[in-house]
Amino acid sequence: MYRIQTLNKISSIGLELFPREEYEIASEIPNPDAIVLRSFKMHDMELPSSLRAVARAGAGVNNIPIDKCTHQGIVVFNTPGANANSVKELVLMSLFMSSRRVVDGIAWARSLNGQGAEVPKLIEKGKSDFEGPEIKGKKLGVIGLGAIGVMVANDAVALGMEVTGYDPFISVDAAWGLSRAVNKAVSLDTLIADSDYITIHVPLNDKTKNLLNKDKFALMKKGTRLLNFSRGGLVNNEDLKQALAAGIIALYVTDFPDEDLLTEPNVIPCPHLGASTPEAEDNCATMAVSQLRNYLELGNIKNSVNFPECEMAASAKYRIVVANSNIPNMVGQITTVLAGAGINITDMLNKSRGEVAYNIIDVESEVTDEHLNAIRAIEGVIMTRLIQIG
């Protein structure tokens, strides 16, 4: 019986994928094998020794102590792409909001309350104060061509925009999904200089923090419209405010606003609504649960943020999974232990990611605690467990 702890409200559509005869699920549960969460902050949480995996029903994992989990052999999963359509729709809506001053217009229209029969005339007279350009035929620069960026780029093409994308690390799957009509930027600077609209879809890390700063704003056309539905730290706020004051940025739309942006007249601050649709919540939960089951029941790893992708079809009744430091001779030491115990390996897969390696080993003979403890005793082994297939 696997024990699953939920730290947030998780879609029942996803949780129903856990077979009740094999899984116990609760928000308060001792010694969980795995945790499923959304935005719960785990950094001050003591990680139970029983914990094998954490699954975030969403893409961002800033609320999870990744390094701590890695050192304890806990695999952390996220669900990239599961909420991509939901975010994409919010970005497309914001493209229109950044052009047509609908938000300001609505606020102004509401201010006419009490004008009685004069309202229709005032509405007609005041419309010219809220003019804005169409997006058709304009140039959109998409920074980051992951699941969301590709969908935004493709749909913007369908809306009649001239789209250019920039992503030096684009994956093969993303490239296959990208419309042929999307142009490839020679560099980030050329994309920035040539775009009427810019939308950012990259993760926040040490390399991307303050990606858009005064140097980048200096390259932009006057009147550029900027969308940021990724992370607030990607844009330097102080430099942004100067660009807004100079008219370089005509309007900034973000769902990661800081307090110093809330009073800026040409900023549209939104709640963080990217994944706030029932469909996205269902998709994220379904993906998180599927990945957890694949790991707990078969030892396979897909969409982990701290361990390598590692999947192998079962070829025997017993499966040993081992996580270890990515140093020489680890595989040799592990297989030597098994050979010394007379255990024959039918199939094996070894993958590494940075300082961590992961092994899936299928064996014919029954494996005892003595065998597992011998593997655990090898210096550099982080985690070992036995899975009985079927």
Protein backbone atom coordinates (compact mmCIF):
# COMPACT_ATOMS: atom_id res chain seq x y z
CA MET A 1 0.00 0.00 0.00
CA TYR A 2 1.41 3.36 -1.08
CA ARG A 3 0.64 6.40 1.07
CA ILE A 4 0.06 9.73 -0.71
CA GLN A 5 -0.12 13.08 1.08
CA THR A 6 -1.81 16.05 -0.61
CA LEU A 7 -0.60 19.46 0.58
CA ASN A 8 -3.12 21.43 -1.51
CA LYS A 9 -6.53 20.77 -2.94
CA ILE A 10 -5.83 18.52 -5.93
CA SER A 11 -8.29 17.83 -8.73
CA SER A 12 -10.31 14.68 -8.06
CA ILE A 13 -9.97 13.83 -11.77
CA GLY A 14 -6.29 13.22 -11.14
CA LEU A 15 -6.53 11.62 -7.71
CA GLU A 16 -9.03 9.08 -9.01
CA LEU A 17 -6.20 7.58 -11.07
CA PHE A 18 -4.69 6.17 -7.87
CA PRO A 19 -6.18 2.65 -7.42
CA ARG A 20 -7.82 2.69 -4.01
CA GLU A 21 -6.84 -0.90 -3.29
CA GLU A 22 -3.17 0.06 -3.64
CA TYR A 23 -3.07 3.70 -2.51
CA GLU A 24 -4.11 5.61 0.60
CA ILE A 25 -4.58 9.34 0.01
CA ALA A 26 -5.06 12.07 2.62
CA SER A 27 -3.99 15.61 3.47
CA GLU A 28 -2.81 14.43 6.90
CA ILE A 29 -1.02 11.11 6.64
CA PRO A 30 2.02 9.78 8.54
CA ASN A 31 5.08 8.48 6.70
CA PRO A 32 3.96 9.23 3.13
CA ASP A 33 5.65 7.58 0.16
CA ALA A 34 4.86 10.60 -2.01
CA ILE A 35 3.51 14.13 -1.84
CA VAL A 36 1.28 15.85 -4.39
CA LEU A 37 1.00 19.64 -4.15
CA ARG A 38 0.47 22.85 -6.03
CA SER A 39 1.64 26.05 -4.30
CA PHE A 40 2.29 24.79 -0.74
CA LYS A 41 5.72 26.00 0.44
CA MET A 42 7.78 23.02 1.55
CA HIS A 43 11.02 24.82 2.41
CA ASP A 44 10.39 24.84 6.18
CA MET A 45 8.87 21.38 6.17
CA GLU A 46 10.73 18.43 7.65
CA LEU A 47 10.89 15.76 4.95
CA PRO A 48 9.87 12.35 6.33
CA SER A 49 12.37 9.52 5.87
CA SER A 50 9.67 7.52 4.08
CA LEU A 51 9.32 10.11 1.29
CA ARG A 52 10.34 8.86 -2.15
CA ALA A 53 8.82 11.43 -4.50
CA VAL A 54 7.19 14.85 -4.71
CA ALA A 55 4.93 15.81 -7.62
CA ARG A 56 4.04 19.42 -8.33
CA ALA A 57 0.76 19.76 -10.25
CA GLY A 58 2.18 22.65 -12.25
CA ALA A 59 5.42 23.75 -13.89
CA GLY A 60 7.11 25.96 -11.28
CA VAL A 61 8.92 24.26 -8.39
CA ASN A 62 10.20 27.29 -6.46
CA ASN A 63 8.13 26.14 -3.48
CA ILE A 64 10.01 22.83 -3.20
CA PRO A 65 13.49 22.40 -1.62
CA ILE A 66 15.04 20.74 -4.68
CA ASP A 67 18.60 20.39 -3.34
CA LYS A 68 17.40 18.93 -0.06
CA CYS A 69 15.22 16.41 -1.90
CA THR A 70 18.09 15.42 -4.20
CA HIS A 71 20.46 14.77 -1.30
CA GLN A 72 17.82 12.51 0.29
CA GLY A 73 17.12 10.62 -2.95
CA ILE A 74 13.65 12.13 -3.35
CA VAL A 75 12.60 12.53 -6.98
CA VAL A 76 10.77 15.79 -7.71
CA PHE A 77 8.35 15.87 -10.64
CA ASN A 78 6.54 18.73 -12.33
CA THR A 79 3.98 18.81 -15.14
CA PRO A 80 5.36 20.89 -18.01
CA GLY A 81 2.82 21.60 -20.71
CA ALA A 82 -0.21 20.39 -18.76
CA ASN A 83 -1.45 23.96 -18.24
CA ALA A 84 0.02 25.32 -21.49
CA ASN A 85 -3.30 25.95 -23.22
CA SER A 86 -4.66 27.78 -20.20
CA VAL A 87 -1.63 30.09 -20.07
CA LYS A 88 -1.66 30.54 -23.84
CA GLU A 89 -5.26 31.77 -23.78
CA LEU A 90 -4.39 34.30 -21.06
CA VAL A 91 -1.43 35.54 -23.12
CA LEU A 92 -3.55 35.91 -26.26
CA MET A 93 -6.15 37.84 -24.30
CA SER A 94 -3.38 40.08 -23.00
CA LEU A 95 -2.15 40.77 -26.53
CA PHE A 96 -5.53 42.34 -27.20
CA MET A 97 -5.65 44.10 -23.82
CA SER A 98 -2.23 45.64 -24.43
CA SER A 99 -3.45 47.14 -27.73
CA ARG A 100 -7.08 48.03 -27.24
CA ARG A 101 -7.40 49.96 -23.99
CA VAL A 102 -10.37 47.92 -22.90
CA VAL A 103 -9.40 47.76 -19.21
CA ASP A 104 -9.14 51.55 -18.92
CA GLY A 105 -12.30 51.95 -20.98
CA ILE A 106 -14.31 49.68 -18.71
CA ALA A 107 -13.13 51.56 -15.61
CA TRP A 108 -14.05 54.88 -17.24
CA ALA A 109 -17.47 53.59 -18.32
CA ARG A 110 -18.23 52.49 -14.76
CA SER A 111 -17.30 55.98 -13.53
CA LEU A 112 -20.28 57.37 -15.46
CA ASN A 113 -22.70 55.81 -13.01
CA GLY A 114 -25.21 58.47 -11.94
CA GLN A 115 -25.18 60.39 -15.27
CA GLY A 116 -28.58 59.00 -16.17
CA ALA A 117 -29.78 59.63 -19.72
CA GLU A 118 -26.47 61.28 -20.62
CA VAL A 119 -24.58 57.98 -20.40
CA PRO A 120 -25.05 56.89 -24.06
CA LYS A 121 -23.80 60.25 -25.35
CA LEU A 122 -20.85 60.28 -22.95
CA ILE A 123 -19.93 56.71 -23.88
CA GLU A 124 -19.88 57.63 -27.57
CA LYS A 125 -17.98 60.88 -26.99
CA GLY A 126 -15.32 59.31 -24.76
CA LYS A 127 -14.45 56.34 -26.94
CA SER A 128 -11.63 58.20 -28.73
CA ASP A 129 -9.65 58.31 -25.48
CA PHE A 130 -9.25 54.54 -25.61
CA GLU A 131 -8.11 53.96 -29.16
CA GLY A 132 -5.52 51.29 -29.87
CA PRO A 133 -4.01 49.41 -32.81
CA GLU A 134 -5.01 46.04 -34.19
CA ILE A 135 -2.54 43.19 -33.74
CA LYS A 136 -2.97 41.84 -37.26
CA GLY A 137 0.14 42.50 -39.32
CA LYS A 138 2.22 43.50 -36.31
CA LYS A 139 5.48 41.82 -35.28
CA LEU A 140 5.43 39.56 -32.23
CA GLY A 141 8.66 38.37 -30.62
CA VAL A 142 8.36 35.20 -28.54
CA ILE A 143 11.23 34.64 -26.10
CA GLY A 144 11.27 30.96 -25.14
CA LEU A 145 9.76 28.22 -27.28
CA GLY A 146 8.69 25.63 -24.77
CA ALA A 147 5.16 24.22 -24.61
CA ILE A 148 3.54 27.61 -23.96
CA GLY A 149 5.76 29.67 -26.24
CA VAL A 150 5.13 27.35 -29.20
CA MET A 151 1.36 27.51 -28.71
CA VAL A 152 1.42 31.32 -28.41
CA ALA A 153 3.57 31.63 -31.52
CA ASN A 154 1.39 29.31 -33.59
CA ASP A 155 -1.87 30.98 -32.59
CA ALA A 156 -0.43 34.46 -33.15
CA VAL A 157 0.43 33.38 -36.70
CA ALA A 158 -3.18 32.28 -37.13
CA LEU A 159 -4.28 35.73 -35.93
CA GLY A 160 -2.28 37.34 -38.72
CA MET A 161 0.80 38.46 -36.80
CA GLU A 162 4.36 38.23 -38.10
CA VAL A 163 5.99 36.04 -35.46
CA THR A 164 9.66 35.57 -34.61
CA GLY A 165 10.88 33.19 -31.94
CA TYR A 166 14.09 32.95 -29.94
CA ASP A 167 15.19 29.88 -28.00
CA PRO A 168 18.75 28.56 -28.29
CA PHE A 169 17.74 25.48 -26.28
CA ILE A 170 14.55 24.53 -28.12
CA SER A 171 13.73 20.84 -27.77
CA VAL A 172 13.14 18.51 -30.69
CA ASP A 173 9.49 18.04 -29.67
CA ALA A 174 8.93 21.79 -29.50
CA ALA A 175 10.58 22.30 -32.88
CA TRP A 176 8.30 19.68 -34.43
CA GLY A 177 5.26 21.50 -33.06
CA LEU A 178 6.28 24.98 -34.22
CA SER A 179 4.59 26.47 -37.27
CA ARG A 180 6.81 26.90 -40.32
CA ALA A 181 5.55 30.47 -40.47
CA VAL A 182 7.41 31.35 -37.26
CA ASN A 183 10.71 33.05 -38.08
CA LYS A 184 13.92 32.19 -36.24
CA ALA A 185 15.64 35.13 -34.57
CA VAL A 186 19.36 35.45 -35.18
CA SER A 187 19.79 36.65 -31.59
CA LEU A 188 17.78 37.90 -28.63
CA ASP A 189 18.83 41.47 -29.42
CA THR A 190 17.58 41.32 -33.00
CA LEU A 191 14.22 39.96 -31.85
CA ILE A 192 13.90 42.71 -29.26
CA ALA A 193 14.82 45.46 -31.72
CA ASP A 194 12.42 44.30 -34.43
CA SER A 195 9.27 43.49 -32.43
CA ASP A 196 6.12 45.54 -31.85
CA TYR A 197 5.04 43.09 -29.13
CA ILE A 198 7.24 40.88 -26.96
CA THR A 199 6.12 37.96 -24.80
CA ILE A 200 8.43 36.05 -22.41
CA HIS A 201 8.18 32.29 -21.79
CA VAL A 202 11.40 31.23 -20.05
CA PRO A 203 12.05 29.94 -16.51
CA LEU A 204 13.55 32.21 -13.87
CA ASN A 205 17.08 31.26 -12.89
CA ASP A 206 20.46 32.89 -12.37
CA LYS A 207 20.99 33.21 -16.13
CA THR A 208 17.58 34.71 -16.91
CA LYS A 209 17.11 37.02 -13.90
CA ASN A 210 16.70 40.61 -15.16
CA LEU A 211 16.75 39.29 -18.72
CA LEU A 212 15.00 42.47 -19.81
CA ASN A 213 16.91 45.42 -18.38
CA LYS A 214 17.91 48.93 -19.42
CA ASP A 215 20.28 47.62 -22.08
CA LYS A 216 17.51 45.57 -23.68
CA PHE A 217 14.93 48.36 -23.35
CA ALA A 218 17.34 50.67 -25.18
CA LEU A 219 17.09 48.36 -28.21
CA MET A 220 13.30 48.39 -28.39
CA LYS A 221 11.06 50.41 -30.66
CA LYS A 222 9.19 53.24 -29.02
CA GLY A 223 5.72 52.00 -28.13
CA THR A 224 6.62 48.32 -27.70
CA ARG A 225 4.07 46.27 -25.77
CA LEU A 226 5.53 43.77 -23.33
CA LEU A 227 3.86 40.67 -21.84
CA ASN A 228 5.31 38.64 -18.98
CA PHE A 229 3.38 35.59 -17.83
CA SER A 230 6.45 33.61 -16.73
CA ARG A 231 8.08 35.16 -13.65
CA GLY A 232 8.43 38.69 -12.31
CA GLY A 233 12.20 38.56 -11.86
CA LEU A 234 12.73 38.24 -15.61
CA VAL A 235 12.09 41.97 -15.96
CA ASN A 236 14.02 44.59 -13.99
CA ASN A 237 11.26 46.75 -12.50
CA GLU A 238 13.31 49.92 -12.05
CA ASP A 239 14.51 49.80 -15.64
CA LEU A 240 10.99 48.98 -16.77
CA LYS A 241 9.55 52.06 -15.05
CA GLN A 242 12.10 54.24 -16.84
CA ALA A 243 11.17 52.62 -20.15
CA LEU A 244 7.48 53.25 -19.43
CA ALA A 245 8.17 56.89 -18.59
CA ALA A 246 10.14 57.31 -21.82
CA GLY A 247 7.38 55.74 -23.90
CA ILE A 248 9.61 52.86 -24.99
CA ILE A 249 7.16 50.46 -23.37
CA ALA A 250 3.63 51.53 -24.24
CA LEU A 251 2.07 48.94 -21.95
CA TYR A 252 3.24 46.11 -19.70
CA VAL A 253 0.95 43.20 -18.83
CA THR A 254 1.99 40.69 -16.19
CA ASP A 255 0.52 38.24 -13.71
CA PHE A 256 3.57 38.65 -11.45
CA PRO A 257 3.25 42.30 -10.41
CA ASP A 258 5.25 43.70 -7.50
CA GLU A 259 3.85 46.50 -5.36
CA ASP A 260 5.93 49.17 -7.10
CA LEU A 261 4.13 48.42 -10.38
CA LEU A 262 0.56 48.59 -9.09
CA THR A 263 0.28 52.36 -9.44
CA GLU A 264 1.99 52.60 -12.83
CA PRO A 265 -0.65 53.85 -15.30
CA ASN A 266 0.65 51.80 -18.24
CA VAL A 267 0.89 48.53 -16.37
CA ILE A 268 -1.94 45.99 -16.32
CA PRO A 269 -1.34 43.85 -13.21
CA CYS A 270 -3.21 40.56 -13.20
CA PRO A 271 -3.60 37.85 -10.57
CA HIS A 272 -1.56 34.73 -11.31
CA LEU A 273 -4.33 33.15 -13.38
CA GLY A 274 -2.27 31.18 -15.91
CA ALA A 275 -3.36 27.77 -14.65
CA SER A 276 -6.60 28.88 -13.01
CA THR A 277 -8.98 26.92 -15.19
CA PRO A 278 -10.66 23.65 -14.25
CA GLU A 279 -9.19 22.08 -17.38
CA ALA A 280 -5.61 23.03 -16.42
CA GLU A 281 -6.06 21.83 -12.86
CA ASP A 282 -7.40 18.50 -14.13
CA ASN A 283 -4.59 18.14 -16.67
CA CYS A 284 -1.85 18.97 -14.14
CA ALA A 285 -3.23 16.59 -11.52
CA THR A 286 -3.65 13.80 -14.07
CA MET A 287 -0.09 14.20 -15.29
CA ALA A 288 1.35 14.41 -11.76
CA VAL A 289 -0.45 11.26 -10.63
CA SER A 290 0.54 9.32 -13.77
CA GLN A 291 4.19 10.21 -13.26
CA LEU A 292 4.08 9.26 -9.58
CA ARG A 293 2.53 5.89 -10.33
CA ASN A 294 5.10 5.23 -13.05
CA TYR A 295 7.85 5.91 -10.54
CA LEU A 296 6.44 4.20 -7.47
CA GLU A 297 5.26 1.08 -9.29
CA LEU A 298 7.96 0.74 -11.97
CA GLY A 299 10.82 3.02 -10.92
CA ASN A 300 10.58 4.99 -14.17
CA ILE A 301 11.33 8.73 -14.12
CA LYS A 302 9.73 11.22 -16.51
CA ASN A 303 9.58 15.01 -16.10
CA SER A 304 11.76 15.18 -13.02
CA VAL A 305 13.50 18.46 -12.21
CA ASN A 306 16.33 16.89 -10.20
CA PHE A 307 16.87 13.36 -11.60
CA PRO A 308 17.55 12.14 -15.14
CA GLU A 309 14.81 10.85 -17.45
CA CYS A 310 15.03 7.08 -17.11
CA GLU A 311 12.41 4.63 -18.40
CA MET A 312 12.73 0.94 -19.16
CA ALA A 313 10.17 -1.74 -19.93
CA ALA A 314 10.09 -4.48 -17.30
CA SER A 315 11.91 -7.68 -18.23
CA ALA A 316 11.81 -9.57 -14.92
CA LYS A 317 9.80 -9.95 -11.75
CA TYR A 318 12.18 -7.95 -9.58
CA ARG A 319 13.48 -4.45 -10.20
CA ILE A 320 16.14 -2.61 -8.18
CA VAL A 321 16.43 1.17 -8.53
CA VAL A 322 19.50 2.97 -7.28
CA ALA A 323 20.33 6.67 -7.13
CA ASN A 324 23.94 7.61 -6.60
CA SER A 325 26.51 10.35 -6.97
CA ASN A 326 27.64 10.65 -10.56
CA ILE A 327 31.21 9.44 -9.98
CA PRO A 328 33.33 6.69 -11.62
CA ASN A 329 32.89 2.97 -10.91
CA MET A 330 29.47 3.20 -9.27
CA VAL A 331 27.82 0.82 -11.77
CA GLY A 332 30.72 -1.61 -11.41
CA GLN A 333 30.40 -1.69 -7.62
CA ILE A 334 26.63 -2.20 -7.76
CA THR A 335 26.80 -5.04 -10.29
CA THR A 336 29.66 -6.64 -8.34
CA VAL A 337 27.43 -6.88 -5.26
CA LEU A 338 24.68 -8.55 -7.29
CA ALA A 339 27.09 -10.92 -9.04
CA GLY A 340 28.60 -11.90 -5.70
CA ALA A 341 25.13 -12.83 -4.47
CA GLY A 342 24.50 -14.93 -7.58
CA ILE A 343 21.83 -12.56 -8.89
CA ASN A 344 21.63 -12.43 -12.69
CA ILE A 345 20.80 -9.10 -14.35
CA THR A 346 18.34 -9.39 -17.26
CA ASP A 347 18.39 -5.72 -18.23
CA MET A 348 19.85 -2.49 -16.93
CA LEU A 349 19.68 1.23 -17.66
CA ASN A 350 21.96 3.94 -16.26
CA LYS A 351 21.37 7.66 -16.77
CA SER A 352 22.98 10.73 -15.25
CA ARG A 353 22.10 14.38 -14.75
CA GLY A 354 24.70 16.70 -13.33
CA GLU A 355 25.94 15.29 -10.04
CA VAL A 356 23.28 12.57 -9.83
CA ALA A 357 22.95 9.20 -11.59
CA TYR A 358 20.04 6.77 -11.60
CA ASN A 359 19.95 3.05 -12.35
CA ILE A 360 17.13 0.65 -13.17
CA ILE A 361 18.21 -2.99 -12.78
CA ASP A 362 15.93 -5.94 -13.62
CA VAL A 363 16.94 -9.26 -12.03
CA GLU A 364 15.68 -12.83 -12.16
CA SER A 365 16.31 -13.88 -8.56
CA GLU A 366 14.61 -12.73 -5.39
CA VAL A 367 16.38 -9.82 -3.71
CA THR A 368 16.64 -9.66 0.06
CA ASP A 369 17.20 -6.80 2.50
CA GLU A 370 20.75 -8.11 2.90
CA HIS A 371 21.41 -7.53 -0.81
CA LEU A 372 19.88 -4.05 -0.72
CA ASN A 373 21.86 -3.11 2.39
CA ALA A 374 25.07 -4.19 0.66
CA ILE A 375 24.28 -1.78 -2.19
CA ARG A 376 23.35 0.99 0.26
CA ALA A 377 26.72 0.52 1.97
CA ILE A 378 28.57 1.55 -1.21
CA GLU A 379 29.96 5.05 -0.78
CA GLY A 380 28.09 7.44 -3.05
CA VAL A 381 24.76 5.57 -3.07
CA ILE A 382 21.93 7.96 -2.20
CA MET A 383 18.86 5.75 -2.42
CA THR A 384 18.01 2.10 -3.12
CA ARG A 385 14.68 0.35 -3.28
CA LEU A 386 13.19 -2.89 -4.57
CA ILE A 387 10.07 -3.08 -6.73
CA GLN A 388 8.22 -6.32 -7.39
CA ILE A 389 6.66 -6.12 -10.84
CA GLY A 390 3.15 -7.46 -11.24
